[in-house]
Every structure is written in C-alpha cells, then in structure tokens.
C-alpha atoms as a PDB file:
ATOM      1  CA  ALA A   1     -11.588  18.047 -17.544  1.00  0.00           C
ATOM      2  CA  SER A   2      -9.841  17.079 -14.372  1.00  0.00           C
ATOM      3  CA  SER A   3     -12.871  15.011 -13.344  1.00  0.00           C
ATOM      4  CA  ARG A   4     -12.775  13.160 -16.514  1.00  0.00           C
ATOM      5  CA  ALA A   5      -9.145  12.610 -16.246  1.00  0.00           C
ATOM      6  CA  ARG A   6      -9.552  11.110 -12.794  1.00  0.00           C
ATOM      7  CA  THR A   7     -12.256   8.858 -14.057  1.00  0.00           C
ATOM      8  CA  ALA A   8     -10.110   7.634 -17.056  1.00  0.00           C
ATOM      9  CA  SER A   9      -7.132   7.030 -14.745  1.00  0.00           C
ATOM     10  CA  SER A  10      -9.309   5.122 -12.361  1.00  0.00           C
ATOM     11  CA  SER A  11     -10.620   2.774 -15.164  1.00  0.00           C
ATOM     12  CA  ILE A  12      -7.126   2.374 -16.551  1.00  0.00           C
ATOM     13  CA  SER A  13      -5.830   1.378 -13.046  1.00  0.00           C
ATOM     14  CA  ARG A  14      -8.715  -1.101 -12.526  1.00  0.00           C
ATOM     15  CA  LEU A  15      -7.970  -2.758 -15.957  1.00  0.00           C
ATOM     16  CA  LEU A  16      -4.254  -3.028 -15.099  1.00  0.00           C
ATOM     17  CA  LEU A  17      -5.032  -4.513 -11.631  1.00  0.00           C
ATOM     18  CA  ASP A  18      -7.491  -7.031 -13.101  1.00  0.00           C
ATOM     19  CA  LYS A  19      -4.837  -8.114 -15.570  1.00  0.00           C
ATOM     20  CA  LEU A  20      -2.301  -8.783 -13.104  1.00  0.00           C
ATOM     21  CA  ALA A  21      -4.696 -10.393 -10.699  1.00  0.00           C
ATOM     22  CA  ASP A  22      -5.909 -12.687 -13.419  1.00  0.00           C
ATOM     23  CA  ASP A  23      -2.363 -13.466 -15.018  1.00  0.00           C
ATOM     24  CA  ARG A  24      -0.564 -15.685 -12.413  1.00  0.00           C
ATOM     25  CA  GLU A  25       2.361 -16.252 -14.795  1.00  0.00           C
ATOM     26  CA  LEU A  26       2.928 -12.331 -15.383  1.00  0.00           C
ATOM     27  CA  LEU A  27       2.600 -11.723 -11.710  1.00  0.00           C
ATOM     28  CA  SER A  28       5.103 -14.460 -10.844  1.00  0.00           C
ATOM     29  CA  ARG A  29       7.626 -13.078 -13.422  1.00  0.00           C
ATOM     30  CA  LEU A  30       7.314  -9.538 -12.115  1.00  0.00           C
ATOM     31  CA  VAL A  31       7.900 -10.680  -8.525  1.00  0.00           C
ATOM     32  CA  SER A  32      10.962 -12.936  -9.661  1.00  0.00           C
ATOM     33  CA  GLU A  33      12.430  -9.940 -11.452  1.00  0.00           C
ATOM     34  CA  VAL A  34      12.659  -7.811  -8.245  1.00  0.00           C
ATOM     35  CA  LEU A  35      15.659  -9.659  -6.902  1.00  0.00           C
ATOM     36  CA  HIS A  36      17.597  -8.732 -10.186  1.00  0.00           C
ATOM     37  CA  ASP A  37      16.572  -5.044 -10.441  1.00  0.00           C
ATOM     38  CA  PRO A  38      18.249  -2.779  -7.915  1.00  0.00           C
ATOM     39  CA  GLU A  39      15.746  -0.042  -8.300  1.00  0.00           C
ATOM     40  CA  ARG A  40      12.657  -2.206  -7.613  1.00  0.00           C
ATOM     41  CA  LEU A  41      14.440  -3.988  -4.786  1.00  0.00           C
ATOM     42  CA  ALA A  42      15.439  -0.672  -3.144  1.00  0.00           C
ATOM     43  CA  ALA A  43      11.746   0.446  -3.501  1.00  0.00           C
ATOM     44  CA  SER A  44      10.398  -2.609  -1.824  1.00  0.00           C
ATOM     45  CA  ARG A  45       9.995  -1.672   1.778  1.00  0.00           C
ATOM     46  CA  VAL A  46       9.252  -3.021   5.169  1.00  0.00           C
ATOM     47  CA  THR A  47       6.971  -0.407   6.868  1.00  0.00           C
ATOM     48  CA  LEU A  48       5.010   0.215   9.991  1.00  0.00           C
ATOM     49  CA  LEU A  49       1.906  -0.988   8.371  1.00  0.00           C
ATOM     50  CA  LEU A  50       2.872  -3.890   6.081  1.00  0.00           C
ATOM     51  CA  ASN A  51       5.647  -5.228   3.677  1.00  0.00           C
ATOM     52  CA  ARG A  52       5.562  -4.284   0.111  1.00  0.00           C
ATOM     53  CA  LEU A  53       7.287  -5.341  -3.112  1.00  0.00           C
ATOM     54  CA  SER A  54       7.724  -2.885  -6.068  1.00  0.00           C
ATOM     55  CA  ILE A  55       6.962  -4.973  -8.833  1.00  0.00           C
ATOM     56  CA  TYR A  56       6.704  -2.515 -11.644  1.00  0.00           C
ATOM     57  CA  GLN A  57       7.989   1.000 -12.062  1.00  0.00           C
ATOM     58  CA  ALA A  58       7.359   3.594 -14.676  1.00  0.00           C
ATOM     59  CA  PRO A  59       9.096   6.828 -13.473  1.00  0.00           C
ATOM     60  CA  ASP A  60       8.653   8.497 -16.832  1.00  0.00           C
ATOM     61  CA  ARG A  61       4.804   8.170 -16.392  1.00  0.00           C
ATOM     62  CA  SER A  62       4.980   8.441 -12.611  1.00  0.00           C
ATOM     63  CA  PHE A  63       3.398   5.364 -11.522  1.00  0.00           C
ATOM     64  CA  GLU A  64       4.355   2.165  -9.613  1.00  0.00           C
ATOM     65  CA  VAL A  65       2.802  -1.246  -9.006  1.00  0.00           C
ATOM     66  CA  ARG A  66       3.214  -2.891  -5.608  1.00  0.00           C
ATOM     67  CA  LEU A  67       2.179  -6.144  -3.820  1.00  0.00           C
ATOM     68  CA  ASN A  68       1.214  -5.381  -0.256  1.00  0.00           C
ATOM     69  CA  MET A  69       1.295  -8.148   2.326  1.00  0.00           C
ATOM     70  CA  ASN A  70       1.997  -9.180   6.049  1.00  0.00           C
ATOM     71  CA  PRO A  71      -0.041  -6.426   7.750  1.00  0.00           C
ATOM     72  CA  ARG A  72       0.666  -5.419  11.190  1.00  0.00           C
ATOM     73  CA  PRO A  73      -2.878  -5.476  12.529  1.00  0.00           C
ATOM     74  CA  ASP A  74      -1.929  -3.545  15.800  1.00  0.00           C
ATOM     75  CA  ASN A  75      -0.576  -0.697  13.699  1.00  0.00           C
ATOM     76  CA  GLN A  76      -3.735  -0.369  11.517  1.00  0.00           C
ATOM     77  CA  LEU A  77      -5.497   2.086  13.867  1.00  0.00           C
ATOM     78  CA  VAL A  78      -3.635   5.227  12.471  1.00  0.00           C
ATOM     79  CA  PRO A  79      -5.862   7.432  10.054  1.00  0.00           C
ATOM     80  CA  HIS A  80      -3.604   8.646   7.149  1.00  0.00           C
ATOM     81  CA  ASP A  81      -3.510   9.986   3.770  1.00  0.00           C
ATOM     82  CA  HIS A  82      -1.259   9.606   0.731  1.00  0.00           C
ATOM     83  CA  CYS A  83       0.866  11.775  -1.476  1.00  0.00           C
ATOM     84  CA  TYR A  84      -0.819  10.357  -4.570  1.00  0.00           C
ATOM     85  CA  ALA A  85      -4.089   8.906  -5.879  1.00  0.00           C
ATOM     86  CA  PHE A  86      -3.973   4.977  -5.819  1.00  0.00           C
ATOM     87  CA  ALA A  87      -6.123   2.114  -6.779  1.00  0.00           C
ATOM     88  CA  THR A  88      -5.993  -1.338  -5.048  1.00  0.00           C
ATOM     89  CA  ARG A  89      -7.408  -4.778  -5.603  1.00  0.00           C
ATOM     90  CA  ILE A  90      -7.574  -7.534  -2.884  1.00  0.00           C
ATOM     91  CA  LEU A  91      -6.030 -10.896  -3.730  1.00  0.00           C
ATOM     92  CA  ALA A  92      -6.298 -12.693  -0.398  1.00  0.00           C
ATOM     93  CA  GLY A  93      -7.797 -12.115   2.979  1.00  0.00           C
ATOM     94  CA  GLY A  94      -9.616  -8.870   3.592  1.00  0.00           C
ATOM     95  CA  TYR A  95     -10.387  -5.882   5.766  1.00  0.00           C
ATOM     96  CA  VAL A  96     -12.575  -3.306   7.167  1.00  0.00           C
ATOM     97  CA  HIS A  97     -11.904  -0.183   5.253  1.00  0.00           C
ATOM     98  CA  VAL A  98     -12.791   3.141   6.885  1.00  0.00           C
ATOM     99  CA  VAL A  99     -12.687   6.263   4.769  1.00  0.00           C
ATOM    100  CA  ARG A 100     -12.843   9.420   6.977  1.00  0.00           C
ATOM    101  CA  ARG A 101     -14.023  12.921   6.351  1.00  0.00           C
ATOM    102  CA  ARG A 102     -11.871  15.786   7.493  1.00  0.00           C
ATOM    103  CA  THR A 103     -13.702  18.482   9.409  1.00  0.00           C
ATOM    104  CA  ASP A 104     -10.813  20.980   9.221  1.00  0.00           C
ATOM    105  CA  GLY A 105     -10.374  21.100   5.318  1.00  0.00           C
ATOM    106  CA  TRP A 106      -8.428  18.940   3.071  1.00  0.00           C
ATOM    107  CA  ASP A 107      -4.904  20.242   3.318  1.00  0.00           C
ATOM    108  CA  GLY A 108      -1.994  19.836   5.784  1.00  0.00           C
ATOM    109  CA  PRO A 109      -1.655  17.916   9.036  1.00  0.00           C
ATOM    110  CA  PHE A 110      -4.674  16.693  11.083  1.00  0.00           C
ATOM    111  CA  THR A 111      -5.431  14.912  14.394  1.00  0.00           C
ATOM    112  CA  GLY A 112      -8.024  12.274  15.252  1.00  0.00           C
ATOM    113  CA  VAL A 113     -10.395  14.977  16.454  1.00  0.00           C
ATOM    114  CA  ASP A 114     -10.353  16.446  12.919  1.00  0.00           C
ATOM    115  CA  LEU A 115     -11.875  13.363  11.484  1.00  0.00           C
ATOM    116  CA  GLU A 116     -15.334  11.811  11.132  1.00  0.00           C
ATOM    117  CA  PRO A 117     -16.200   8.314   9.717  1.00  0.00           C
ATOM    118  CA  ALA A 118     -17.698   8.819   6.291  1.00  0.00           C
ATOM    119  CA  ILE A 119     -17.667   5.396   4.566  1.00  0.00           C
ATOM    120  CA  VAL A 120     -17.087   1.770   6.008  1.00  0.00           C
ATOM    121  CA  THR A 121     -16.912  -1.153   3.787  1.00  0.00           C
ATOM    122  CA  VAL A 122     -15.658  -4.716   4.105  1.00  0.00           C
ATOM    123  CA  GLU A 123     -13.302  -5.494   1.304  1.00  0.00           C
ATOM    124  CA  ARG A 124     -12.816  -9.296   0.182  1.00  0.00           C
ATOM    125  CA  PRO A 125     -10.799 -10.994  -2.565  1.00  0.00           C
ATOM    126  CA  GLY A 126     -11.833  -9.303  -5.893  1.00  0.00           C
ATOM    127  CA  SER A 127     -12.882  -6.099  -4.260  1.00  0.00           C
ATOM    128  CA  ALA A 128     -11.307  -2.921  -5.843  1.00  0.00           C
ATOM    129  CA  TYR A 129     -11.360   0.817  -5.311  1.00  0.00           C
ATOM    130  CA  THR A 130      -9.712   4.117  -6.080  1.00  0.00           C
ATOM    131  CA  LEU A 131      -8.758   6.855  -3.493  1.00  0.00           C
ATOM    132  CA  ASP A 132      -7.594  10.491  -4.178  1.00  0.00           C
ATOM    133  CA  HIS A 133      -4.724  11.868  -2.396  1.00  0.00           C
ATOM    134  CA  THR A 134      -6.997  14.062  -0.351  1.00  0.00           C
ATOM    135  CA  MET A 135      -8.699  11.102   1.372  1.00  0.00           C
ATOM    136  CA  VAL A 136      -7.974   9.818   4.815  1.00  0.00           C
ATOM    137  CA  HIS A 137      -8.376   6.257   5.454  1.00  0.00           C
ATOM    138  CA  GLN A 138      -7.732   3.066   7.697  1.00  0.00           C
ATOM    139  CA  ALA A 139      -7.479  -0.442   6.495  1.00  0.00           C
ATOM    140  CA  LEU A 140      -8.053  -2.858   9.492  1.00  0.00           C
ATOM    141  CA  MET A 141      -6.505  -5.954   7.721  1.00  0.00           C
ATOM    142  CA  GLU A 142      -6.742  -9.575   8.504  1.00  0.00           C
ATOM    143  CA  PRO A 143      -3.266 -11.135   9.058  1.00  0.00           C
ATOM    144  CA  ASP A 144      -3.025 -12.925   5.694  1.00  0.00           C
ATOM    145  CA  THR A 145      -4.115 -10.100   3.490  1.00  0.00           C
ATOM    146  CA  VAL A 146      -2.438  -9.439   0.197  1.00  0.00           C
ATOM    147  CA  THR A 147      -3.352  -6.654  -2.181  1.00  0.00           C
ATOM    148  CA  LEU A 148      -2.142  -5.334  -5.599  1.00  0.00           C
ATOM    149  CA  PHE A 149      -1.777  -1.458  -5.426  1.00  0.00           C
ATOM    150  CA  VAL A 150      -1.068   1.059  -8.214  1.00  0.00           C
ATOM    151  CA  ARG A 151      -0.031   4.574  -7.226  1.00  0.00           C
ATOM    152  CA  GLY A 152      -0.165   7.566  -9.539  1.00  0.00           C
ATOM    153  CA  PRO A 153       2.024  10.822  -9.671  1.00  0.00           C
ATOM    154  CA  ARG A 154       2.857  12.623  -6.457  1.00  0.00           C
ATOM    155  CA  ARG A 155       0.522  15.425  -5.714  1.00  0.00           C
ATOM    156  CA  LYS A 156       1.842  16.789  -2.571  1.00  0.00           C
ATOM    157  CA  THR A 157       5.106  17.036  -0.728  1.00  0.00           C
ATOM    158  CA  LEU A 158       4.240  15.110   2.406  1.00  0.00           C
ATOM    159  CA  SER A 159       1.553  12.534   3.519  1.00  0.00           C
ATOM    160  CA  HIS A 160      -0.012  12.958   6.903  1.00  0.00           C
ATOM    161  CA  ALA A 161      -1.141  10.796   9.738  1.00  0.00           C
ATOM    162  CA  ALA A 162      -2.848  11.368  13.198  1.00  0.00           C
ATOM    163  CA  GLU A 163       0.449  11.709  15.018  1.00  0.00           C
ATOM    164  CA  GLU A 164      -1.179  11.089  18.530  1.00  0.00           C
ATOM    165  CA  LEU A 165      -2.344   7.603  17.358  1.00  0.00           C
ATOM    166  CA  MET A 166       0.898   6.522  15.950  1.00  0.00           C
ATOM    167  CA  PRO A 167       2.245   3.129  17.392  1.00  0.00           C
ATOM    168  CA  PRO A 168       5.078   3.284  19.980  1.00  0.00           C
ATOM    169  CA  LYS A 169       8.584   2.764  18.604  1.00  0.00           C
ATOM    170  CA  ASP A 170       8.736  -0.811  19.970  1.00  0.00           C
ATOM    171  CA  ALA A 171       5.928  -1.624  17.399  1.00  0.00           C
ATOM    172  CA  TRP A 172       8.130  -0.368  14.421  1.00  0.00           C
ATOM    173  CA  PRO A 173       9.796  -2.805  11.992  1.00  0.00           C
ATOM    174  CA  ALA A 174      12.833  -4.476  13.278  1.00  0.00           C
ATOM    175  CA  PRO A 175      16.131  -2.817  12.195  1.00  0.00           C
ATOM    176  CA  ALA A 176      17.703  -4.348   9.068  1.00  0.00           C
ATOM    177  CA  GLY A 177      21.026  -5.193  10.651  1.00  0.00           C
ATOM    178  CA  PRO A 178      22.987  -4.888  14.055  1.00  0.00           C
ATOM    179  CA  GLY A 179      23.399  -1.473  15.077  1.00  0.00           C
ATOM    180  CA  ASP A 180      20.719   0.067  12.728  1.00  0.00           C
ATOM    181  CA  GLN A 181      17.961   2.235  14.166  1.00  0.00           C
ATOM    182  CA  ALA A 182      14.255   1.173  13.892  1.00  0.00           C
ATOM    183  CA  VAL A 183      12.394   3.295  11.406  1.00  0.00           C
ATOM    184  CA  GLU A 184       8.857   3.662  10.207  1.00  0.00           C
ATOM    185  CA  SER A 185       9.886   2.631   6.751  1.00  0.00           C
ATOM    186  CA  ARG A 186      13.135   0.959   5.210  1.00  0.00           C
ATOM    187  CA  PRO A 187      14.312  -0.942   2.268  1.00  0.00           C
ATOM    188  CA  THR A 188      13.648  -4.683   2.227  1.00  0.00           C
ATOM    189  CA  THR A 189      16.814  -6.818   2.629  1.00  0.00           C
ATOM    190  CA  VAL A 190      17.341  -9.792   0.079  1.00  0.00           C
ATOM    191  CA  GLU A 191      16.522 -12.236   2.874  1.00  0.00           C
ATOM    192  CA  GLU A 192      13.150 -10.487   3.501  1.00  0.00           C
ATOM    193  CA  TYR A 193      12.501 -10.364  -0.321  1.00  0.00           C
ATOM    194  CA  ASN A 194      12.950 -14.032  -0.643  1.00  0.00           C
ATOM    195  CA  TRP A 195      10.548 -14.491   2.561  1.00  0.00           C
ATOM    196  CA  MET A 196       7.982 -12.386   0.727  1.00  0.00           C
ATOM    197  CA  ARG A 197       8.320 -14.381  -2.502  1.00  0.00           C
ATOM    198  CA  THR A 198       7.873 -17.661  -0.525  1.00  0.00           C
ATOM    199  CA  TYR A 199       4.775 -16.035   1.351  1.00  0.00           C
ATOM    200  CA  LEU A 200       3.201 -15.433  -2.081  1.00  0.00           C
ATOM    201  CA  ILE A 201       3.985 -18.959  -3.345  1.00  0.00           C
ATOM    202  CA  GLN A 202       2.546 -20.514  -0.163  1.00  0.00           C
ATOM    203  CA  ARG A 203      -0.595 -18.680  -0.654  1.00  0.00           C
ATOM    204  CA  ARG A 204      -0.674 -19.842  -4.353  1.00  0.00           C
ATOM    205  CA  LEU A 205      -0.879 -16.245  -5.648  1.00  0.00           C
ATOM    206  CA  ILE A 206       2.340 -16.732  -7.696  1.00  0.00           C
ATOM    207  CA  SER A 207       4.265 -19.928  -8.845  1.00  0.00           C
END
C-alpha cells in the first residue's frame, strides 16, 4: 500500500509541476502574491545552496511549492538528504545530478566515506524527478538554473549532510543586516524578494 501511495503522490506532484511550468500567468501571480503574504515571505529563504521563493503553502496537507534559483556552484559539493520526499522540474539551466547510495544504512548522520555514487544524470529544462527522504544526492547546478520544487510531509526530525564537506563560513549567505551573524539558511528580505522576482522576469519565466 505504501508503494502505491508513493507512486500516486509522485504522479500528482508531476502533474502539479507540469501545470505550473506551462501556465506562466499562474506562476507570475503566485510569485507576486509572496510579497503580500507574511507566511510565504517568511518561508522564502536565502540558503547555503541557493535562493528559494515559497510560492504556495498547504500546511493542512503538509506540502509546499517553491521556486529555486541563483545556485551557489562552489557550495554544491555536499551530499545531503531531506526531511521529506520531493519532486522537482527544471525550468532553466541544468545540472549534473548525483544520487548516492549509503553503505551504512538509511538512517542518521553520514560522512563522505559512507557513500557511493549510484545514479548520475544530466538534467535540462523539462526534466523532472522525485526523490524519497532516504535518498542522498547532489545537484551540481549551472549558474542560471531555476527549478520548481514541491515538498511533501516531514518524515524525520532532521536532514543530514556530510559535515566534513561543508563549505567554510565565509561561503555562507551574507547576513541580512548589519550586526547579524552569517547562517546557513535565513529568511529573505523584501529587497531580496524583489531581486528574485526581477531575476525570474529577466529570464522570461514569469511576467
């Protein structure tokens, strides 16, 4: 039953991503609404790996739709998992996607020596895939890559990354304001939101 449920969830996620990718007017409206929705604006973040906009939230059904962009190529080398299953579709750019196999089991922390490459693919605009929360992966993104991303319910308390491969603090996102500390992930500012919306308009992904 759980396998059938995962298959159904993957199909629904793919249909949702395809609908958003093919409906520029809807995608543009969702991006514009973020500025006027405190919850979505707070959930939009600048992270170690990339910037993301939270364009739709359904907390009662435990899923969220994001737009990911502006990847930090130098920070893409860290194998990591997620707290949830997710599906993604590439809108622009592309990347080498490496899904790794854990040699120490499926749960808890891991290091680089606990991993072996299992699948390596090249993702381009129109590509889509789904990953379970147990999978460890890396996405070595081109600078102008933009993706749609839908996440499901949280399946574990913490996500994990190969800590010994984490970038140094001077590669972390810049603090949001004077006196703030650099962190691996923080909420976007209004100025950064406006920059991200302009970034998407310039690439003709929204209007």
